[in-house]
Amino acid sequence: MGEKEIQFCTGGGCTAKLGPGALERVLSRIPKPELKDEALLVGYDSSDDACVYQVSDDLAIVQTLDFFPPMIEDPYLFGQVAAANALSDIYAMGGTVKTALNIVCFPESMNLDVLGQILLGGNDKVLEAGGSLAGGHSIQDDGVKYGLSVMGFVDPRRMWQNNTPRDGDSLLLTKPLGVGLICSAARAGDCDPTALDRAIASMTTLNRTASEVLKRYEVHAVTDVTGFGLLGHLLEMVGEEHSAIVDSLEVPKLPGALRYADEFYCTAAAQRNRTHAADRVVFDGVPFAIEELLFDPQTSGGLLASLPGADARSACEELQRMGLECGVVGMIRKRGDYAILVR
């Protein structure tokens, strides 16, 4: 499909998310229920990836939704990316995908074949996840937006949360960073096709395999890295009780990402992420390009897991043997003078 059918959006993919600061201010004004539903194990108060509702001793429902404008021109690939991004929230909770519903905003004046390709791409990813596409909802809009509402299952005794790391844990990242920078360069017409292909391959890869591998280890906390960048989501993980040390040399990077950071193909979303985290992140001799990479908003990014060091290394080696690019990128410590130190 050509540029006349789908064009790049200035806020495509997870760069379209509201900034973390703005979101915090809005959510803080929503009153908490006077009587808490004890079956709601995870809600929005922990900024987790999905909600979890317990229905029996060994079964809970995991529910999430995600949608955004296109960041690549090919409608089929865009559908795959948007679906993989939404499905990732289920995997970040340790769950399995069961059903999905399409969320569609589409201009009436646009060729419906474009919409058909988007939905086909999304359906193919749902099937790859082992789920069933069960319907959806569409509205007429000025621009294209697509995503999924997804429902999955998890054993409540084995679910993962994003804010329960332990002192001494290592941090495992299961995908390379840089898709925001690469898509920004592509939008400006200055991106190496090979770099864009690598970014698209990363964005269309489900986190299913990474999640299944991690289930074989003693995992303490997990989140998926999306619009708030690695550092933004890591801040949610460490909370007020822990600190994190990030080894920037070990962070997996997509080819071309650092070059595009040096050439200032940065997004507004990355700058919102930087502003939000500025007083809680310390950089120790880290080049500007690395800083930008760590703030870069990821679309359909990898899982960031906190687990014992030996387990992190073993899981990383197992994932690498399966062809997935990952890295043990840091460690968790008791809270010190900083929330995150990057060196």
C-alpha atoms as a PDB file:
ATOM      1  CA  MET A   1       0.000   0.000   0.000  1.00  0.00           C
ATOM      2  CA  GLY A   2       1.332   3.424  -0.850  1.00  0.00           C
ATOM      3  CA  GLU A   3       1.738   6.708   0.927  1.00  0.00           C
ATOM      4  CA  LYS A   4      -1.554   8.044  -0.450  1.00  0.00           C
ATOM      5  CA  GLU A   5      -3.455   5.338   1.420  1.00  0.00           C
ATOM      6  CA  ILE A   6      -1.770   5.570   4.799  1.00  0.00           C
ATOM      7  CA  GLN A   7       0.580   8.359   5.740  1.00  0.00           C
ATOM      8  CA  PHE A   8       2.815   8.670   8.725  1.00  0.00           C
ATOM      9  CA  CYS A   9       1.250  10.369  11.730  1.00  0.00           C
ATOM     10  CA  THR A  10       3.203  12.821  13.871  1.00  0.00           C
ATOM     11  CA  GLY A  11       2.111  10.805  16.902  1.00  0.00           C
ATOM     12  CA  GLY A  12       1.985   7.311  15.422  1.00  0.00           C
ATOM     13  CA  GLY A  13       2.332   4.161  17.503  1.00  0.00           C
ATOM     14  CA  CYS A  14       3.011   4.535  21.204  1.00  0.00           C
ATOM     15  CA  THR A  15       4.368   8.055  20.667  1.00  0.00           C
ATOM     16  CA  ALA A  16       0.669   9.006  20.607  1.00  0.00           C
ATOM     17  CA  LYS A  17       0.257   8.182  24.306  1.00  0.00           C
ATOM     18  CA  LEU A  18      -0.399  10.968  26.759  1.00  0.00           C
ATOM     19  CA  GLY A  19       2.772  11.832  28.662  1.00  0.00           C
ATOM     20  CA  PRO A  20       3.262  10.078  32.011  1.00  0.00           C
ATOM     21  CA  GLY A  21       3.046  13.342  33.950  1.00  0.00           C
ATOM     22  CA  ALA A  22      -0.272  14.365  32.398  1.00  0.00           C
ATOM     23  CA  LEU A  23      -1.674  10.881  32.893  1.00  0.00           C
ATOM     24  CA  GLU A  24      -0.687  10.836  36.566  1.00  0.00           C
ATOM     25  CA  ARG A  25      -2.428  14.174  37.174  1.00  0.00           C
ATOM     26  CA  VAL A  26      -5.665  12.988  35.565  1.00  0.00           C
ATOM     27  CA  LEU A  27      -5.769   9.592  37.272  1.00  0.00           C
ATOM     28  CA  SER A  28      -4.996  11.118  40.678  1.00  0.00           C
ATOM     29  CA  ARG A  29      -8.316  12.996  40.510  1.00  0.00           C
ATOM     30  CA  ILE A  30     -10.440   9.897  40.011  1.00  0.00           C
ATOM     31  CA  PRO A  31     -11.958   8.971  43.389  1.00  0.00           C
ATOM     32  CA  LYS A  32     -11.255   5.506  44.737  1.00  0.00           C
ATOM     33  CA  PRO A  33     -14.323   3.350  45.520  1.00  0.00           C
ATOM     34  CA  GLU A  34     -15.354   3.375  49.172  1.00  0.00           C
ATOM     35  CA  LEU A  35     -15.679  -0.413  49.142  1.00  0.00           C
ATOM     36  CA  LYS A  36     -12.832  -2.167  47.341  1.00  0.00           C
ATOM     37  CA  ASP A  37     -13.715  -5.236  45.291  1.00  0.00           C
ATOM     38  CA  GLU A  38     -11.336  -7.811  46.742  1.00  0.00           C
ATOM     39  CA  ALA A  39     -11.505  -9.831  43.534  1.00  0.00           C
ATOM     40  CA  LEU A  40      -9.873  -6.957  41.614  1.00  0.00           C
ATOM     41  CA  LEU A  41      -6.267  -7.982  42.184  1.00  0.00           C
ATOM     42  CA  VAL A  42      -4.717  -5.342  39.909  1.00  0.00           C
ATOM     43  CA  GLY A  43      -6.315  -2.046  38.872  1.00  0.00           C
ATOM     44  CA  TYR A  44      -5.092   1.274  37.506  1.00  0.00           C
ATOM     45  CA  ASP A  45      -3.627   2.505  40.804  1.00  0.00           C
ATOM     46  CA  SER A  46      -0.306   0.682  40.214  1.00  0.00           C
ATOM     47  CA  SER A  47       0.074   1.802  36.559  1.00  0.00           C
ATOM     48  CA  ASP A  48       0.277  -1.861  35.634  1.00  0.00           C
ATOM     49  CA  ASP A  49      -0.072  -3.235  32.110  1.00  0.00           C
ATOM     50  CA  ALA A  50      -3.552  -4.773  32.521  1.00  0.00           C
ATOM     51  CA  CYS A  51      -6.206  -5.349  35.153  1.00  0.00           C
ATOM     52  CA  VAL A  52      -6.590  -8.739  36.815  1.00  0.00           C
ATOM     53  CA  TYR A  53      -9.905  -9.984  38.242  1.00  0.00           C
ATOM     54  CA  GLN A  54      -9.996 -13.235  40.219  1.00  0.00           C
ATOM     55  CA  VAL A  55     -12.875 -15.649  39.567  1.00  0.00           C
ATOM     56  CA  SER A  56     -11.605 -18.732  41.467  1.00  0.00           C
ATOM     57  CA  ASP A  57      -8.598 -19.920  43.456  1.00  0.00           C
ATOM     58  CA  ASP A  58      -6.669 -20.834  40.319  1.00  0.00           C
ATOM     59  CA  LEU A  59      -8.197 -18.584  37.649  1.00  0.00           C
ATOM     60  CA  ALA A  60      -8.229 -14.831  37.034  1.00  0.00           C
ATOM     61  CA  ILE A  61      -9.194 -12.769  34.009  1.00  0.00           C
ATOM     62  CA  VAL A  62      -6.619 -10.395  32.525  1.00  0.00           C
ATOM     63  CA  GLN A  63      -8.120  -7.471  30.576  1.00  0.00           C
ATOM     64  CA  THR A  64      -6.453  -4.724  28.553  1.00  0.00           C
ATOM     65  CA  LEU A  65      -6.863  -2.478  25.517  1.00  0.00           C
ATOM     66  CA  ASP A  66      -4.529  -0.481  23.305  1.00  0.00           C
ATOM     67  CA  PHE A  67      -4.872   1.427  20.036  1.00  0.00           C
ATOM     68  CA  PHE A  68      -3.038   4.170  18.154  1.00  0.00           C
ATOM     69  CA  PRO A  69      -2.447   5.833  14.753  1.00  0.00           C
ATOM     70  CA  PRO A  70      -0.144   4.211  12.176  1.00  0.00           C
ATOM     71  CA  MET A  71       3.618   4.645  12.315  1.00  0.00           C
ATOM     72  CA  ILE A  72       4.352   2.657   9.136  1.00  0.00           C
ATOM     73  CA  GLU A  73       2.778   2.911   5.701  1.00  0.00           C
ATOM     74  CA  ASP A  74       1.912  -0.735   5.042  1.00  0.00           C
ATOM     75  CA  PRO A  75      -1.627  -1.355   6.407  1.00  0.00           C
ATOM     76  CA  TYR A  76      -1.139  -5.084   6.943  1.00  0.00           C
ATOM     77  CA  LEU A  77       2.080  -4.566   8.893  1.00  0.00           C
ATOM     78  CA  PHE A  78       0.494  -1.722  10.864  1.00  0.00           C
ATOM     79  CA  GLY A  79      -2.317  -4.086  11.865  1.00  0.00           C
ATOM     80  CA  GLN A  80       0.244  -6.631  13.010  1.00  0.00           C
ATOM     81  CA  VAL A  81       2.192  -4.076  15.057  1.00  0.00           C
ATOM     82  CA  ALA A  82      -0.917  -2.639  16.733  1.00  0.00           C
ATOM     83  CA  ALA A  83      -2.193  -6.113  17.617  1.00  0.00           C
ATOM     84  CA  ALA A  84       1.192  -7.319  18.913  1.00  0.00           C
ATOM     85  CA  ASN A  85       1.393  -4.198  21.077  1.00  0.00           C
ATOM     86  CA  ALA A  86      -2.040  -4.806  22.631  1.00  0.00           C
ATOM     87  CA  LEU A  87      -1.444  -8.528  23.141  1.00  0.00           C
ATOM     88  CA  SER A  88       1.810  -7.742  24.952  1.00  0.00           C
ATOM     89  CA  ASP A  89      -0.034  -6.513  28.048  1.00  0.00           C
ATOM     90  CA  ILE A  90      -1.413 -10.004  28.639  1.00  0.00           C
ATOM     91  CA  TYR A  91       2.078 -11.504  28.401  1.00  0.00           C
ATOM     92  CA  ALA A  92       3.442  -8.859  30.787  1.00  0.00           C
ATOM     93  CA  MET A  93       1.064 -10.154  33.459  1.00  0.00           C
ATOM     94  CA  GLY A  94       2.094 -13.780  32.876  1.00  0.00           C
ATOM     95  CA  GLY A  95      -1.202 -14.584  31.159  1.00  0.00           C
ATOM     96  CA  THR A  96      -2.377 -16.414  28.054  1.00  0.00           C
ATOM     97  CA  VAL A  97      -4.472 -14.758  25.339  1.00  0.00           C
ATOM     98  CA  LYS A  98      -8.058 -15.958  24.877  1.00  0.00           C
ATOM     99  CA  THR A  99     -10.168 -13.387  22.991  1.00  0.00           C
ATOM    100  CA  ALA A 100      -9.714 -10.022  21.303  1.00  0.00           C
ATOM    101  CA  LEU A 101     -12.016  -7.277  20.008  1.00  0.00           C
ATOM    102  CA  ASN A 102     -11.066  -4.829  17.259  1.00  0.00           C
ATOM    103  CA  ILE A 103     -10.999  -1.076  17.989  1.00  0.00           C
ATOM    104  CA  VAL A 104     -11.237   0.886  14.719  1.00  0.00           C
ATOM    105  CA  CYS A 105     -11.279   4.582  13.792  1.00  0.00           C
ATOM    106  CA  PHE A 106     -11.377   5.044  10.017  1.00  0.00           C
ATOM    107  CA  PRO A 107     -12.247   7.836   7.529  1.00  0.00           C
ATOM    108  CA  GLU A 108     -15.274   7.085   5.364  1.00  0.00           C
ATOM    109  CA  SER A 109     -13.457   8.663   2.413  1.00  0.00           C
ATOM    110  CA  MET A 110     -10.543   6.198   2.553  1.00  0.00           C
ATOM    111  CA  ASN A 111     -10.324   2.986   0.530  1.00  0.00           C
ATOM    112  CA  LEU A 112     -11.916   0.197   2.587  1.00  0.00           C
ATOM    113  CA  ASP A 113      -9.334  -2.230   1.227  1.00  0.00           C
ATOM    114  CA  VAL A 114      -6.854  -0.426   3.487  1.00  0.00           C
ATOM    115  CA  LEU A 115      -9.030  -1.217   6.512  1.00  0.00           C
ATOM    116  CA  GLY A 116      -9.321  -4.808   5.351  1.00  0.00           C
ATOM    117  CA  GLN A 117      -5.544  -5.162   5.304  1.00  0.00           C
ATOM    118  CA  ILE A 118      -5.232  -3.620   8.782  1.00  0.00           C
ATOM    119  CA  LEU A 119      -7.798  -6.034  10.204  1.00  0.00           C
ATOM    120  CA  LEU A 120      -6.177  -8.973   8.442  1.00  0.00           C
ATOM    121  CA  GLY A 121      -2.821  -8.115  10.005  1.00  0.00           C
ATOM    122  CA  GLY A 122      -4.392  -7.840  13.435  1.00  0.00           C
ATOM    123  CA  ASN A 123      -6.278 -11.110  13.062  1.00  0.00           C
ATOM    124  CA  ASP A 124      -3.128 -12.953  12.030  1.00  0.00           C
ATOM    125  CA  LYS A 125      -1.378 -11.855  15.236  1.00  0.00           C
ATOM    126  CA  VAL A 126      -4.347 -12.848  17.404  1.00  0.00           C
ATOM    127  CA  LEU A 127      -4.296 -16.300  15.798  1.00  0.00           C
ATOM    128  CA  GLU A 128      -0.522 -16.525  16.325  1.00  0.00           C
ATOM    129  CA  ALA A 129      -1.148 -15.720  19.992  1.00  0.00           C
ATOM    130  CA  GLY A 130      -3.545 -18.661  20.227  1.00  0.00           C
ATOM    131  CA  GLY A 131      -6.569 -16.397  20.704  1.00  0.00           C
ATOM    132  CA  SER A 132      -9.842 -15.795  18.869  1.00  0.00           C
ATOM    133  CA  LEU A 133     -10.978 -12.520  17.326  1.00  0.00           C
ATOM    134  CA  ALA A 134     -14.538 -12.171  18.602  1.00  0.00           C
ATOM    135  CA  GLY A 135     -15.793  -8.852  17.158  1.00  0.00           C
ATOM    136  CA  GLY A 136     -15.141  -5.190  17.799  1.00  0.00           C
ATOM    137  CA  HIS A 137     -16.334  -1.622  17.310  1.00  0.00           C
ATOM    138  CA  SER A 138     -15.662   0.978  14.618  1.00  0.00           C
ATOM    139  CA  ILE A 139     -16.300   4.703  14.238  1.00  0.00           C
ATOM    140  CA  GLN A 140     -15.790   7.201  11.430  1.00  0.00           C
ATOM    141  CA  ASP A 141     -12.848   9.482  12.183  1.00  0.00           C
ATOM    142  CA  ASP A 142     -10.573  11.983  10.441  1.00  0.00           C
ATOM    143  CA  GLY A 143      -7.582   9.642  10.750  1.00  0.00           C
ATOM    144  CA  VAL A 144      -6.784   5.946  11.018  1.00  0.00           C
ATOM    145  CA  LYS A 145      -6.458   4.365  14.457  1.00  0.00           C
ATOM    146  CA  TYR A 146      -6.468   0.674  15.284  1.00  0.00           C
ATOM    147  CA  GLY A 147      -5.915  -1.656  18.200  1.00  0.00           C
ATOM    148  CA  LEU A 148      -7.454  -4.375  20.322  1.00  0.00           C
ATOM    149  CA  SER A 149      -9.243  -5.017  23.564  1.00  0.00           C
ATOM    150  CA  VAL A 150      -7.809  -8.316  24.793  1.00  0.00           C
ATOM    151  CA  MET A 151      -8.932 -10.813  27.423  1.00  0.00           C
ATOM    152  CA  GLY A 152      -6.727 -13.561  28.805  1.00  0.00           C
ATOM    153  CA  PHE A 153      -6.382 -15.963  31.720  1.00  0.00           C
ATOM    154  CA  VAL A 154      -3.757 -16.203  34.458  1.00  0.00           C
ATOM    155  CA  ASP A 155      -3.338 -18.214  37.638  1.00  0.00           C
ATOM    156  CA  PRO A 156      -3.626 -15.498  40.331  1.00  0.00           C
ATOM    157  CA  ARG A 157      -0.964 -17.287  42.374  1.00  0.00           C
ATOM    158  CA  ARG A 158       1.503 -16.932  39.497  1.00  0.00           C
ATOM    159  CA  MET A 159       0.614 -13.586  37.934  1.00  0.00           C
ATOM    160  CA  TRP A 160       3.247 -10.900  37.477  1.00  0.00           C
ATOM    161  CA  GLN A 161       3.015  -7.255  38.470  1.00  0.00           C
ATOM    162  CA  ASN A 162       5.129  -4.303  37.404  1.00  0.00           C
ATOM    163  CA  ASN A 163       6.062  -2.954  40.854  1.00  0.00           C
ATOM    164  CA  THR A 164       7.253  -5.941  42.905  1.00  0.00           C
ATOM    165  CA  PRO A 165      11.022  -6.250  42.248  1.00  0.00           C
ATOM    166  CA  ARG A 166      13.388  -7.482  44.960  1.00  0.00           C
ATOM    167  CA  ASP A 167      16.691  -6.141  46.166  1.00  0.00           C
ATOM    168  CA  GLY A 168      19.521  -7.910  44.337  1.00  0.00           C
ATOM    169  CA  ASP A 169      17.500  -8.802  41.238  1.00  0.00           C
ATOM    170  CA  SER A 170      18.876  -8.391  37.733  1.00  0.00           C
ATOM    171  CA  LEU A 171      16.936  -6.733  34.922  1.00  0.00           C
ATOM    172  CA  LEU A 172      16.335  -8.624  31.682  1.00  0.00           C
ATOM    173  CA  LEU A 173      15.119  -6.788  28.554  1.00  0.00           C
ATOM    174  CA  THR A 174      13.759  -9.070  25.819  1.00  0.00           C
ATOM    175  CA  LYS A 175      13.796  -6.737  22.770  1.00  0.00           C
ATOM    176  CA  PRO A 176      16.197  -4.070  21.477  1.00  0.00           C
ATOM    177  CA  LEU A 177      15.363  -0.367  21.837  1.00  0.00           C
ATOM    178  CA  GLY A 178      15.106   2.304  19.159  1.00  0.00           C
ATOM    179  CA  VAL A 179      11.878   1.874  17.197  1.00  0.00           C
ATOM    180  CA  GLY A 180      10.677   5.416  17.990  1.00  0.00           C
ATOM    181  CA  LEU A 181      13.884   6.988  16.698  1.00  0.00           C
ATOM    182  CA  ILE A 182      13.907   4.817  13.577  1.00  0.00           C
ATOM    183  CA  CYS A 183      10.263   5.523  12.735  1.00  0.00           C
ATOM    184  CA  SER A 184      10.911   9.245  13.263  1.00  0.00           C
ATOM    185  CA  ALA A 185      13.804   9.111  10.779  1.00  0.00           C
ATOM    186  CA  ALA A 186      11.668   7.145   8.330  1.00  0.00           C
ATOM    187  CA  ARG A 187       8.891   9.728   8.606  1.00  0.00           C
ATOM    188  CA  ALA A 188      11.456  12.345   7.547  1.00  0.00           C
ATOM    189  CA  GLY A 189      12.548  10.191   4.600  1.00  0.00           C
ATOM    190  CA  ASP A 190      16.050   9.657   6.021  1.00  0.00           C
ATOM    191  CA  CYS A 191      16.047   6.071   7.249  1.00  0.00           C
ATOM    192  CA  ASP A 192      18.110   3.136   6.025  1.00  0.00           C
ATOM    193  CA  PRO A 193      15.559   0.560   4.735  1.00  0.00           C
ATOM    194  CA  THR A 194      17.431  -2.189   6.563  1.00  0.00           C
ATOM    195  CA  ALA A 195      17.064  -0.335   9.876  1.00  0.00           C
ATOM    196  CA  LEU A 196      13.330   0.155   9.285  1.00  0.00           C
ATOM    197  CA  ASP A 197      12.910  -3.517   8.380  1.00  0.00           C
ATOM    198  CA  ARG A 198      14.642  -4.521  11.635  1.00  0.00           C
ATOM    199  CA  ALA A 199      12.393  -2.175  13.609  1.00  0.00           C
ATOM    200  CA  ILE A 200       9.262  -3.583  11.967  1.00  0.00           C
ATOM    201  CA  ALA A 201      10.447  -7.149  12.607  1.00  0.00           C
ATOM    202  CA  SER A 202      10.886  -6.287  16.290  1.00  0.00           C
ATOM    203  CA  MET A 203       7.486  -4.584  16.554  1.00  0.00           C
ATOM    204  CA  THR A 204       5.644  -7.489  14.905  1.00  0.00           C
ATOM    205  CA  THR A 205       7.283 -10.107  17.152  1.00  0.00           C
ATOM    206  CA  LEU A 206       4.927 -11.267  19.883  1.00  0.00           C
ATOM    207  CA  ASN A 207       6.164 -11.337  23.469  1.00  0.00           C
ATOM    208  CA  ARG A 208       4.578 -14.772  23.785  1.00  0.00           C
ATOM    209  CA  THR A 209       7.858 -16.697  23.556  1.00  0.00           C
ATOM    210  CA  ALA A 210       9.614 -14.359  25.996  1.00  0.00           C
ATOM    211  CA  SER A 211       6.751 -14.732  28.467  1.00  0.00           C
ATOM    212  CA  GLU A 212       6.709 -18.528  28.175  1.00  0.00           C
ATOM    213  CA  VAL A 213      10.465 -18.708  28.775  1.00  0.00           C
ATOM    214  CA  LEU A 214      10.271 -16.392  31.784  1.00  0.00           C
ATOM    215  CA  LYS A 215       7.605 -18.610  33.373  1.00  0.00           C
ATOM    216  CA  ARG A 216      10.293 -21.229  33.892  1.00  0.00           C
ATOM    217  CA  TYR A 217      12.211 -18.902  36.215  1.00  0.00           C
ATOM    218  CA  GLU A 218      11.706 -17.100  39.536  1.00  0.00           C
ATOM    219  CA  VAL A 219      10.314 -13.846  38.178  1.00  0.00           C
ATOM    220  CA  HIS A 220       9.496 -11.093  40.685  1.00  0.00           C
ATOM    221  CA  ALA A 221       8.240  -8.242  38.479  1.00  0.00           C
ATOM    222  CA  VAL A 222       7.520  -7.652  34.774  1.00  0.00           C
ATOM    223  CA  THR A 223       6.376  -4.802  32.570  1.00  0.00           C
ATOM    224  CA  ASP A 224       6.439  -4.274  28.834  1.00  0.00           C
ATOM    225  CA  VAL A 225       8.402  -1.302  27.505  1.00  0.00           C
ATOM    226  CA  THR A 226       6.163   0.939  25.412  1.00  0.00           C
ATOM    227  CA  GLY A 227       5.351   4.642  25.231  1.00  0.00           C
ATOM    228  CA  PHE A 228       7.126   5.797  28.404  1.00  0.00           C
ATOM    229  CA  GLY A 229      10.449   4.340  27.254  1.00  0.00           C
ATOM    230  CA  LEU A 230      12.709   2.020  29.218  1.00  0.00           C
ATOM    231  CA  LEU A 231      13.394   4.563  31.967  1.00  0.00           C
ATOM    232  CA  GLY A 232       9.753   5.592  32.378  1.00  0.00           C
ATOM    233  CA  HIS A 233       8.565   2.027  32.814  1.00  0.00           C
ATOM    234  CA  LEU A 234      11.530   1.227  35.050  1.00  0.00           C
ATOM    235  CA  LEU A 235      10.535   4.138  37.314  1.00  0.00           C
ATOM    236  CA  GLU A 236       7.121   2.496  37.705  1.00  0.00           C
ATOM    237  CA  MET A 237       8.866  -0.763  38.597  1.00  0.00           C
ATOM    238  CA  VAL A 238      11.212   0.598  41.273  1.00  0.00           C
ATOM    239  CA  GLY A 239       8.552   2.773  42.938  1.00  0.00           C
ATOM    240  CA  GLU A 240       9.607   4.430  46.199  1.00  0.00           C
ATOM    241  CA  GLU A 241      11.350   1.455  47.821  1.00  0.00           C
ATOM    242  CA  HIS A 242      13.961   0.462  45.236  1.00  0.00           C
ATOM    243  CA  SER A 243      16.603   1.879  42.934  1.00  0.00           C
ATOM    244  CA  ALA A 244      17.884   0.551  39.622  1.00  0.00           C
ATOM    245  CA  ILE A 245      21.329   0.657  38.055  1.00  0.00           C
ATOM    246  CA  VAL A 246      21.272   0.424  34.249  1.00  0.00           C
ATOM    247  CA  ASP A 247      24.357  -0.698  32.320  1.00  0.00           C
ATOM    248  CA  SER A 248      23.948   1.182  29.039  1.00  0.00           C
ATOM    249  CA  LEU A 249      26.537  -1.001  27.279  1.00  0.00           C
ATOM    250  CA  GLU A 250      24.370  -4.091  27.813  1.00  0.00           C
ATOM    251  CA  VAL A 251      21.121  -2.549  26.508  1.00  0.00           C
ATOM    252  CA  PRO A 252      20.228  -4.183  23.155  1.00  0.00           C
ATOM    253  CA  LYS A 253      19.934  -1.542  20.430  1.00  0.00           C
ATOM    254  CA  LEU A 254      18.407  -1.641  16.968  1.00  0.00           C
ATOM    255  CA  PRO A 255      20.905  -0.809  14.201  1.00  0.00           C
ATOM    256  CA  GLY A 256      20.784   2.883  13.320  1.00  0.00           C
ATOM    257  CA  ALA A 257      19.006   3.974  16.499  1.00  0.00           C
ATOM    258  CA  LEU A 258      21.999   5.751  18.057  1.00  0.00           C
ATOM    259  CA  ARG A 259      22.842   7.453  14.770  1.00  0.00           C
ATOM    260  CA  TYR A 260      19.315   8.835  14.486  1.00  0.00           C
ATOM    261  CA  ALA A 261      19.464  10.034  18.092  1.00  0.00           C
ATOM    262  CA  ASP A 262      22.710  11.895  17.330  1.00  0.00           C
ATOM    263  CA  GLU A 263      20.980  13.427  14.313  1.00  0.00           C
ATOM    264  CA  PHE A 264      18.096  14.599  16.587  1.00  0.00           C
ATOM    265  CA  TYR A 265      15.326  12.434  15.125  1.00  0.00           C
ATOM    266  CA  CYS A 266      13.729  12.596  18.553  1.00  0.00           C
ATOM    267  CA  THR A 267      10.009  12.547  19.264  1.00  0.00           C
ATOM    268  CA  ALA A 268       7.945  14.878  21.395  1.00  0.00           C
ATOM    269  CA  ALA A 269       6.952  11.827  23.422  1.00  0.00           C
ATOM    270  CA  ALA A 270      10.608  11.146  24.271  1.00  0.00           C
ATOM    271  CA  GLN A 271      10.993  14.703  25.513  1.00  0.00           C
ATOM    272  CA  ARG A 272       7.884  14.320  27.691  1.00  0.00           C
ATOM    273  CA  ASN A 273       9.422  11.143  29.088  1.00  0.00           C
ATOM    274  CA  ARG A 274      12.679  12.987  29.813  1.00  0.00           C
ATOM    275  CA  THR A 275      10.892  15.865  31.535  1.00  0.00           C
ATOM    276  CA  HIS A 276       8.858  13.486  33.692  1.00  0.00           C
ATOM    277  CA  ALA A 277      11.915  11.523  34.839  1.00  0.00           C
ATOM    278  CA  ALA A 278      14.505  14.317  34.967  1.00  0.00           C
ATOM    279  CA  ASP A 279      14.801  14.624  38.749  1.00  0.00           C
ATOM    280  CA  ARG A 280      14.871  10.863  39.378  1.00  0.00           C
ATOM    281  CA  VAL A 281      17.423   9.632  36.831  1.00  0.00           C
ATOM    282  CA  VAL A 282      21.190  10.197  37.133  1.00  0.00           C
ATOM    283  CA  PHE A 283      23.433   9.740  34.072  1.00  0.00           C
ATOM    284  CA  ASP A 284      27.074   8.936  34.777  1.00  0.00           C
ATOM    285  CA  GLY A 285      29.186   9.719  31.703  1.00  0.00           C
ATOM    286  CA  VAL A 286      26.524   8.515  29.270  1.00  0.00           C
ATOM    287  CA  PRO A 287      26.462   9.995  25.731  1.00  0.00           C
ATOM    288  CA  PHE A 288      23.429  11.998  24.606  1.00  0.00           C
ATOM    289  CA  ALA A 289      22.420   9.320  22.081  1.00  0.00           C
ATOM    290  CA  ILE A 290      22.183   6.701  24.848  1.00  0.00           C
ATOM    291  CA  GLU A 291      20.055   9.035  26.971  1.00  0.00           C
ATOM    292  CA  GLU A 292      17.665   9.518  24.058  1.00  0.00           C
ATOM    293  CA  LEU A 293      17.532   5.779  23.403  1.00  0.00           C
ATOM    294  CA  LEU A 294      16.526   5.100  27.010  1.00  0.00           C
ATOM    295  CA  PHE A 295      13.769   7.742  26.863  1.00  0.00           C
ATOM    296  CA  ASP A 296      12.662   6.670  23.364  1.00  0.00           C
ATOM    297  CA  PRO A 297       9.000   5.545  23.291  1.00  0.00           C
ATOM    298  CA  GLN A 298       8.751   1.965  22.092  1.00  0.00           C
ATOM    299  CA  THR A 299       5.849   0.539  20.131  1.00  0.00           C
ATOM    300  CA  SER A 300       5.340  -3.176  20.822  1.00  0.00           C
ATOM    301  CA  GLY A 301       8.554  -3.223  22.853  1.00  0.00           C
ATOM    302  CA  GLY A 302      10.002  -6.073  24.849  1.00  0.00           C
ATOM    303  CA  LEU A 303       9.372  -7.316  28.366  1.00  0.00           C
ATOM    304  CA  LEU A 304      11.455  -5.898  31.208  1.00  0.00           C
ATOM    305  CA  ALA A 305      11.738  -8.519  33.952  1.00  0.00           C
ATOM    306  CA  SER A 306      13.194  -8.375  37.463  1.00  0.00           C
ATOM    307  CA  LEU A 307      14.527 -11.757  38.595  1.00  0.00           C
ATOM    308  CA  PRO A 308      17.552 -13.294  40.337  1.00  0.00           C
ATOM    309  CA  GLY A 309      20.832 -12.797  38.504  1.00  0.00           C
ATOM    310  CA  ALA A 310      21.469 -16.460  37.658  1.00  0.00           C
ATOM    311  CA  ASP A 311      17.928 -16.827  36.336  1.00  0.00           C
ATOM    312  CA  ALA A 312      18.242 -13.634  34.284  1.00  0.00           C
ATOM    313  CA  ARG A 313      21.420 -14.885  32.626  1.00  0.00           C
ATOM    314  CA  SER A 314      19.956 -18.327  31.941  1.00  0.00           C
ATOM    315  CA  ALA A 315      16.722 -16.895  30.526  1.00  0.00           C
ATOM    316  CA  CYS A 316      18.681 -14.471  28.345  1.00  0.00           C
ATOM    317  CA  GLU A 317      20.834 -17.280  26.953  1.00  0.00           C
ATOM    318  CA  GLU A 318      17.726 -19.367  26.286  1.00  0.00           C
ATOM    319  CA  LEU A 319      16.023 -16.506  24.431  1.00  0.00           C
ATOM    320  CA  GLN A 320      19.154 -15.809  22.387  1.00  0.00           C
ATOM    321  CA  ARG A 321      19.318 -19.456  21.317  1.00  0.00           C
ATOM    322  CA  MET A 322      15.751 -19.000  20.060  1.00  0.00           C
ATOM    323  CA  GLY A 323      16.843 -16.026  17.940  1.00  0.00           C
ATOM    324  CA  LEU A 324      15.526 -13.245  20.188  1.00  0.00           C
ATOM    325  CA  GLU A 325      17.780 -10.257  20.851  1.00  0.00           C
ATOM    326  CA  CYS A 326      17.879  -9.508  24.582  1.00  0.00           C
ATOM    327  CA  GLY A 327      20.209  -8.414  27.360  1.00  0.00           C
ATOM    328  CA  VAL A 328      20.731  -8.357  31.115  1.00  0.00           C
ATOM    329  CA  VAL A 329      20.690  -4.574  31.381  1.00  0.00           C
ATOM    330  CA  GLY A 330      20.953  -3.738  35.079  1.00  0.00           C
ATOM    331  CA  MET A 331      20.130  -4.545  38.669  1.00  0.00           C
ATOM    332  CA  ILE A 332      17.720  -3.664  41.476  1.00  0.00           C
ATOM    333  CA  ARG A 333      18.929  -2.287  44.821  1.00  0.00           C
ATOM    334  CA  LYS A 334      17.311  -0.862  47.955  1.00  0.00           C
ATOM    335  CA  ARG A 335      16.421   2.797  47.521  1.00  0.00           C
ATOM    336  CA  GLY A 336      19.433   5.077  47.700  1.00  0.00           C
ATOM    337  CA  ASP A 337      20.074   8.659  46.648  1.00  0.00           C
ATOM    338  CA  TYR A 338      18.528   8.127  43.203  1.00  0.00           C
ATOM    339  CA  ALA A 339      15.713   6.145  41.605  1.00  0.00           C
ATOM    340  CA  ILE A 340      17.759   5.160  38.539  1.00  0.00           C
ATOM    341  CA  LEU A 341      21.478   5.430  37.833  1.00  0.00           C
ATOM    342  CA  VAL A 342      22.569   4.940  34.213  1.00  0.00           C
ATOM    343  CA  ARG A 343      26.253   4.286  33.656  1.00  0.00           C
END
